[in-house]
Amino acid sequence: VRLGNEPSMADFAVAIIDRYQGLGIGSRLMGALIWSAVTNHISTLRSTVLADNAVMLHLTERLGGSVEPLSHGIVQVDIPLAGFPGTLPDRPVVQAYRRCLAELER
C-alpha cells in the first residue's frame, strides 16, 4: 500500500501460517513483493512488526534495512530498494526477485 504522504514509500506485510514457516515461502513472497515495488517506482518498503519477530528483523538486516523502535514491543522496519539487489548475497529473497525480473524481461 503506497503511503499517501510519501508516494515513493509503501507499507507491506507478509504472513505465513505456522505450519508453513521455515520453508522459504516468506523470502520468496518478499522477493516478488520487492519486484512489484521496484517496477512501480517504490524506493522504500515500510512495515510495523513486533520487536520479537526475529525472522523479520533478520530479513530486514540482510536486505540492508533499518529498524526503529516505536513503542514497547513494536518496531518500524524500512527496506531501501534503490539499486536492488545490488551486492546483496544470493539468498532466496534475491533469487525470487531475479526470477520475477527475468519473467518481466521475456
N, C-alpha and C. Protein backbone atom coordinates (compact mmCIF):
# COMPACT_ATOMS: atom_id res chain seq x y z
N VAL A 1 0.86 -1.17 0.00
CA VAL A 1 0.00 0.00 0.00
C VAL A 1 0.90 1.23 0.00
N ARG A 2 0.76 2.04 -1.04
CA ARG A 2 1.56 3.26 -1.16
C ARG A 2 1.13 4.25 -0.07
N LEU A 3 2.11 4.86 0.62
CA LEU A 3 1.80 5.82 1.68
C LEU A 3 1.42 7.16 1.06
N GLY A 4 0.28 7.72 1.44
CA GLY A 4 -0.23 8.95 0.86
C GLY A 4 0.69 10.14 1.00
N ASN A 5 1.32 10.28 2.16
CA ASN A 5 2.20 11.43 2.39
C ASN A 5 3.61 11.21 1.86
N GLU A 6 3.94 9.99 1.48
CA GLU A 6 5.25 9.66 0.91
C GLU A 6 5.03 8.66 -0.22
N PRO A 7 4.67 9.13 -1.43
CA PRO A 7 4.28 8.23 -2.51
C PRO A 7 5.37 7.28 -3.01
N SER A 8 6.63 7.52 -2.66
CA SER A 8 7.68 6.60 -3.07
C SER A 8 7.92 5.52 -2.01
N MET A 9 7.08 5.50 -0.98
CA MET A 9 7.20 4.53 0.11
C MET A 9 5.90 3.73 0.18
N ALA A 10 6.02 2.44 0.49
CA ALA A 10 4.84 1.60 0.60
C ALA A 10 4.90 0.76 1.86
N ASP A 11 3.74 0.59 2.48
CA ASP A 11 3.59 -0.28 3.64
C ASP A 11 3.42 -1.71 3.13
N PHE A 12 4.01 -2.67 3.81
CA PHE A 12 3.88 -4.06 3.37
C PHE A 12 3.67 -4.99 4.56
N ALA A 13 3.16 -6.16 4.26
CA ALA A 13 3.01 -7.22 5.26
C ALA A 13 3.07 -8.56 4.55
N VAL A 14 3.70 -9.51 5.19
CA VAL A 14 3.74 -10.89 4.72
C VAL A 14 3.43 -11.76 5.93
N ALA A 15 2.48 -12.65 5.77
CA ALA A 15 2.11 -13.57 6.86
C ALA A 15 2.11 -15.00 6.34
N ILE A 16 2.75 -15.88 7.08
CA ILE A 16 2.81 -17.29 6.73
C ILE A 16 2.27 -18.07 7.93
N ILE A 17 1.28 -18.93 7.69
CA ILE A 17 0.73 -19.70 8.82
C ILE A 17 1.81 -20.61 9.39
N ASP A 18 1.67 -20.91 10.68
CA ASP A 18 2.71 -21.60 11.42
C ASP A 18 3.25 -22.86 10.74
N ARG A 19 2.39 -23.71 10.24
CA ARG A 19 2.89 -24.99 9.72
C ARG A 19 3.71 -24.85 8.44
N TYR A 20 3.67 -23.68 7.79
CA TYR A 20 4.45 -23.45 6.58
C TYR A 20 5.64 -22.53 6.81
N GLN A 21 5.87 -22.11 8.05
CA GLN A 21 7.01 -21.25 8.34
C GLN A 21 8.30 -22.05 8.27
N GLY A 22 9.37 -21.38 7.89
CA GLY A 22 10.67 -22.03 7.81
C GLY A 22 10.93 -22.76 6.52
N LEU A 23 10.04 -22.63 5.55
CA LEU A 23 10.20 -23.33 4.27
C LEU A 23 10.67 -22.40 3.15
N GLY A 24 10.91 -21.13 3.47
CA GLY A 24 11.36 -20.18 2.45
C GLY A 24 10.23 -19.47 1.71
N ILE A 25 9.00 -19.72 2.11
CA ILE A 25 7.86 -19.10 1.44
C ILE A 25 7.89 -17.58 1.64
N GLY A 26 8.16 -17.14 2.85
CA GLY A 26 8.20 -15.71 3.14
C GLY A 26 9.27 -14.98 2.33
N SER A 27 10.44 -15.60 2.19
CA SER A 27 11.51 -14.99 1.41
C SER A 27 11.10 -14.88 -0.06
N ARG A 28 10.46 -15.90 -0.56
CA ARG A 28 10.03 -15.86 -1.96
C ARG A 28 8.93 -14.82 -2.17
N LEU A 29 8.02 -14.73 -1.22
CA LEU A 29 6.97 -13.70 -1.31
C LEU A 29 7.59 -12.30 -1.24
N MET A 30 8.57 -12.12 -0.36
CA MET A 30 9.25 -10.83 -0.27
C MET A 30 9.95 -10.49 -1.57
N GLY A 31 10.56 -11.48 -2.22
CA GLY A 31 11.21 -11.24 -3.50
C GLY A 31 10.23 -10.74 -4.54
N ALA A 32 9.06 -11.38 -4.60
CA ALA A 32 8.02 -10.94 -5.54
C ALA A 32 7.48 -9.57 -5.16
N LEU A 33 7.32 -9.33 -3.88
CA LEU A 33 6.83 -8.04 -3.41
C LEU A 33 7.83 -6.93 -3.75
N ILE A 34 9.10 -7.19 -3.55
CA ILE A 34 10.13 -6.20 -3.88
C ILE A 34 10.14 -5.94 -5.38
N TRP A 35 10.04 -6.99 -6.18
CA TRP A 35 9.98 -6.81 -7.63
C TRP A 35 8.82 -5.90 -8.00
N SER A 36 7.64 -6.15 -7.44
CA SER A 36 6.46 -5.33 -7.73
C SER A 36 6.69 -3.88 -7.30
N ALA A 37 7.27 -3.71 -6.12
CA ALA A 37 7.53 -2.35 -5.63
C ALA A 37 8.50 -1.61 -6.54
N VAL A 38 9.59 -2.26 -6.91
CA VAL A 38 10.59 -1.61 -7.76
C VAL A 38 9.99 -1.23 -9.11
N THR A 39 9.22 -2.14 -9.70
CA THR A 39 8.63 -1.84 -11.01
C THR A 39 7.55 -0.77 -10.93
N ASN A 40 7.07 -0.48 -9.73
CA ASN A 40 6.07 0.57 -9.53
C ASN A 40 6.67 1.81 -8.86
N HIS A 41 7.99 1.95 -8.96
CA HIS A 41 8.71 3.15 -8.51
C HIS A 41 8.60 3.40 -7.01
N ILE A 42 8.58 2.33 -6.24
CA ILE A 42 8.64 2.44 -4.78
C ILE A 42 10.11 2.35 -4.39
N SER A 43 10.59 3.30 -3.60
CA SER A 43 12.01 3.31 -3.22
C SER A 43 12.24 2.72 -1.82
N THR A 44 11.19 2.61 -1.00
CA THR A 44 11.33 2.07 0.35
C THR A 44 10.09 1.29 0.72
N LEU A 45 10.29 0.11 1.31
CA LEU A 45 9.19 -0.65 1.89
C LEU A 45 9.23 -0.45 3.40
N ARG A 46 8.07 -0.23 4.00
CA ARG A 46 7.98 0.02 5.43
C ARG A 46 6.94 -0.92 6.05
N SER A 47 7.24 -1.38 7.25
CA SER A 47 6.28 -2.21 7.98
C SER A 47 6.44 -2.00 9.47
N THR A 48 5.38 -2.25 10.18
CA THR A 48 5.39 -2.23 11.64
C THR A 48 5.30 -3.68 12.10
N VAL A 49 6.27 -4.11 12.91
CA VAL A 49 6.31 -5.51 13.34
C VAL A 49 6.57 -5.59 14.84
N LEU A 50 6.29 -6.75 15.38
CA LEU A 50 6.60 -6.99 16.79
C LEU A 50 8.11 -7.04 16.97
N ALA A 51 8.60 -6.46 18.04
CA ALA A 51 10.04 -6.39 18.29
C ALA A 51 10.66 -7.76 18.48
N ASP A 52 9.86 -8.76 18.81
CA ASP A 52 10.41 -10.11 18.99
C ASP A 52 10.27 -10.98 17.73
N ASN A 53 9.91 -10.38 16.60
CA ASN A 53 9.80 -11.10 15.34
C ASN A 53 11.20 -11.22 14.73
N ALA A 54 11.97 -12.16 15.28
CA ALA A 54 13.37 -12.32 14.90
C ALA A 54 13.55 -12.60 13.41
N VAL A 55 12.64 -13.34 12.81
CA VAL A 55 12.76 -13.68 11.40
C VAL A 55 12.69 -12.42 10.54
N MET A 56 11.71 -11.56 10.81
CA MET A 56 11.54 -10.35 10.02
C MET A 56 12.69 -9.37 10.27
N LEU A 57 13.13 -9.28 11.50
CA LEU A 57 14.25 -8.38 11.82
C LEU A 57 15.53 -8.85 11.13
N HIS A 58 15.74 -10.17 11.10
CA HIS A 58 16.92 -10.73 10.42
C HIS A 58 16.84 -10.47 8.92
N LEU A 59 15.66 -10.68 8.34
CA LEU A 59 15.48 -10.43 6.91
C LEU A 59 15.72 -8.96 6.59
N THR A 60 15.20 -8.07 7.43
CA THR A 60 15.41 -6.63 7.24
C THR A 60 16.90 -6.32 7.23
N GLU A 61 17.64 -6.89 8.17
CA GLU A 61 19.08 -6.68 8.25
C GLU A 61 19.78 -7.20 7.00
N ARG A 62 19.41 -8.41 6.55
CA ARG A 62 20.04 -9.00 5.36
C ARG A 62 19.77 -8.17 4.11
N LEU A 63 18.64 -7.46 4.09
CA LEU A 63 18.29 -6.64 2.93
C LEU A 63 18.78 -5.20 3.06
N GLY A 64 19.59 -4.92 4.08
CA GLY A 64 20.16 -3.59 4.24
C GLY A 64 19.19 -2.57 4.83
N GLY A 65 18.16 -3.07 5.49
CA GLY A 65 17.14 -2.20 6.06
C GLY A 65 17.49 -1.69 7.45
N SER A 66 16.58 -0.88 7.98
CA SER A 66 16.78 -0.31 9.31
C SER A 66 15.59 -0.64 10.20
N VAL A 67 15.83 -0.64 11.50
CA VAL A 67 14.80 -0.93 12.50
C VAL A 67 14.77 0.22 13.48
N GLU A 68 13.57 0.75 13.71
CA GLU A 68 13.41 1.87 14.64
C GLU A 68 12.33 1.52 15.66
N PRO A 69 12.64 1.58 16.96
CA PRO A 69 11.61 1.32 17.97
C PRO A 69 10.51 2.37 17.90
N LEU A 70 9.25 1.92 18.02
CA LEU A 70 8.12 2.84 18.04
C LEU A 70 7.51 2.94 19.43
N SER A 71 7.22 1.81 20.00
CA SER A 71 6.67 1.76 21.35
C SER A 71 7.03 0.40 21.93
N HIS A 72 6.65 0.17 23.17
CA HIS A 72 7.02 -1.07 23.84
C HIS A 72 6.58 -2.28 23.00
N GLY A 73 7.58 -3.02 22.50
CA GLY A 73 7.30 -4.25 21.77
C GLY A 73 6.99 -4.08 20.30
N ILE A 74 7.03 -2.85 19.78
CA ILE A 74 6.71 -2.59 18.37
C ILE A 74 7.87 -1.83 17.73
N VAL A 75 8.26 -2.24 16.52
CA VAL A 75 9.31 -1.54 15.78
C VAL A 75 8.83 -1.27 14.36
N GLN A 76 9.46 -0.30 13.75
CA GLN A 76 9.20 0.02 12.33
C GLN A 76 10.42 -0.42 11.55
N VAL A 77 10.20 -1.17 10.47
CA VAL A 77 11.31 -1.56 9.60
C VAL A 77 11.16 -0.86 8.26
N ASP A 78 12.27 -0.37 7.74
CA ASP A 78 12.33 0.24 6.42
C ASP A 78 13.36 -0.53 5.61
N ILE A 79 12.96 -0.92 4.40
CA ILE A 79 13.86 -1.63 3.50
C ILE A 79 14.05 -0.77 2.25
N PRO A 80 15.26 -0.23 2.05
CA PRO A 80 15.51 0.60 0.87
C PRO A 80 15.62 -0.27 -0.37
N LEU A 81 15.06 0.22 -1.47
CA LEU A 81 15.05 -0.57 -2.71
C LEU A 81 15.91 0.03 -3.81
N ALA A 82 16.48 1.20 -3.59
CA ALA A 82 17.32 1.83 -4.62
C ALA A 82 18.47 0.90 -4.96
N GLY A 83 18.61 0.56 -6.23
CA GLY A 83 19.69 -0.30 -6.67
C GLY A 83 19.51 -1.76 -6.34
N PHE A 84 18.34 -2.15 -5.87
CA PHE A 84 18.11 -3.55 -5.51
C PHE A 84 18.30 -4.43 -6.73
N PRO A 85 18.95 -5.59 -6.66
CA PRO A 85 19.54 -6.21 -5.48
C PRO A 85 20.98 -5.82 -5.22
N GLY A 86 21.61 -5.09 -6.15
CA GLY A 86 22.96 -4.61 -5.90
C GLY A 86 23.92 -5.71 -5.50
N THR A 87 24.55 -5.55 -4.36
CA THR A 87 25.56 -6.51 -3.91
C THR A 87 25.04 -7.44 -2.82
N LEU A 88 23.71 -7.57 -2.72
CA LEU A 88 23.16 -8.46 -1.70
C LEU A 88 23.56 -9.91 -1.98
N PRO A 89 23.73 -10.71 -0.93
CA PRO A 89 24.09 -12.11 -1.13
C PRO A 89 22.98 -12.86 -1.86
N ASP A 90 23.34 -13.96 -2.49
CA ASP A 90 22.39 -14.74 -3.27
C ASP A 90 21.49 -15.56 -2.34
N ARG A 91 20.48 -14.90 -1.78
CA ARG A 91 19.54 -15.50 -0.84
C ARG A 91 18.21 -15.76 -1.54
N PRO A 92 17.32 -16.55 -0.95
CA PRO A 92 16.03 -16.83 -1.59
C PRO A 92 15.25 -15.57 -1.98
N VAL A 93 15.26 -14.53 -1.15
CA VAL A 93 14.51 -13.32 -1.49
C VAL A 93 15.10 -12.65 -2.73
N VAL A 94 16.41 -12.65 -2.86
CA VAL A 94 17.06 -12.06 -4.03
C VAL A 94 16.84 -12.95 -5.26
N GLN A 95 16.90 -14.25 -5.08
CA GLN A 95 16.63 -15.18 -6.19
C GLN A 95 15.20 -15.00 -6.71
N ALA A 96 14.24 -14.86 -5.80
CA ALA A 96 12.85 -14.66 -6.22
C ALA A 96 12.71 -13.36 -6.98
N TYR A 97 13.36 -12.32 -6.51
CA TYR A 97 13.34 -11.04 -7.21
C TYR A 97 13.88 -11.21 -8.63
N ARG A 98 15.01 -11.88 -8.75
CA ARG A 98 15.63 -12.05 -10.07
C ARG A 98 14.75 -12.89 -11.00
N ARG A 99 14.06 -13.91 -10.45
CA ARG A 99 13.14 -14.71 -11.28
C ARG A 99 12.00 -13.85 -11.79
N CYS A 100 11.45 -13.01 -10.94
CA CYS A 100 10.37 -12.11 -11.36
C CYS A 100 10.86 -11.16 -12.44
N LEU A 101 12.06 -10.62 -12.26
CA LEU A 101 12.63 -9.70 -13.24
C LEU A 101 12.84 -10.40 -14.58
N ALA A 102 13.34 -11.65 -14.54
CA ALA A 102 13.57 -12.41 -15.77
C ALA A 102 12.26 -12.66 -16.51
N GLU A 103 11.19 -12.95 -15.77
CA GLU A 103 9.87 -13.15 -16.39
C GLU A 103 9.40 -11.88 -17.07
N LEU A 104 9.62 -10.75 -16.44
CA LEU A 104 9.20 -9.47 -16.99
C LEU A 104 9.95 -9.17 -18.28
N GLU A 105 11.23 -9.53 -18.33
CA GLU A 105 12.07 -9.22 -19.49
C GLU A 105 11.82 -10.13 -20.69
N ARG A 106 11.05 -11.17 -20.51
CA ARG A 106 10.75 -12.10 -21.63
C ARG A 106 9.90 -11.45 -22.68
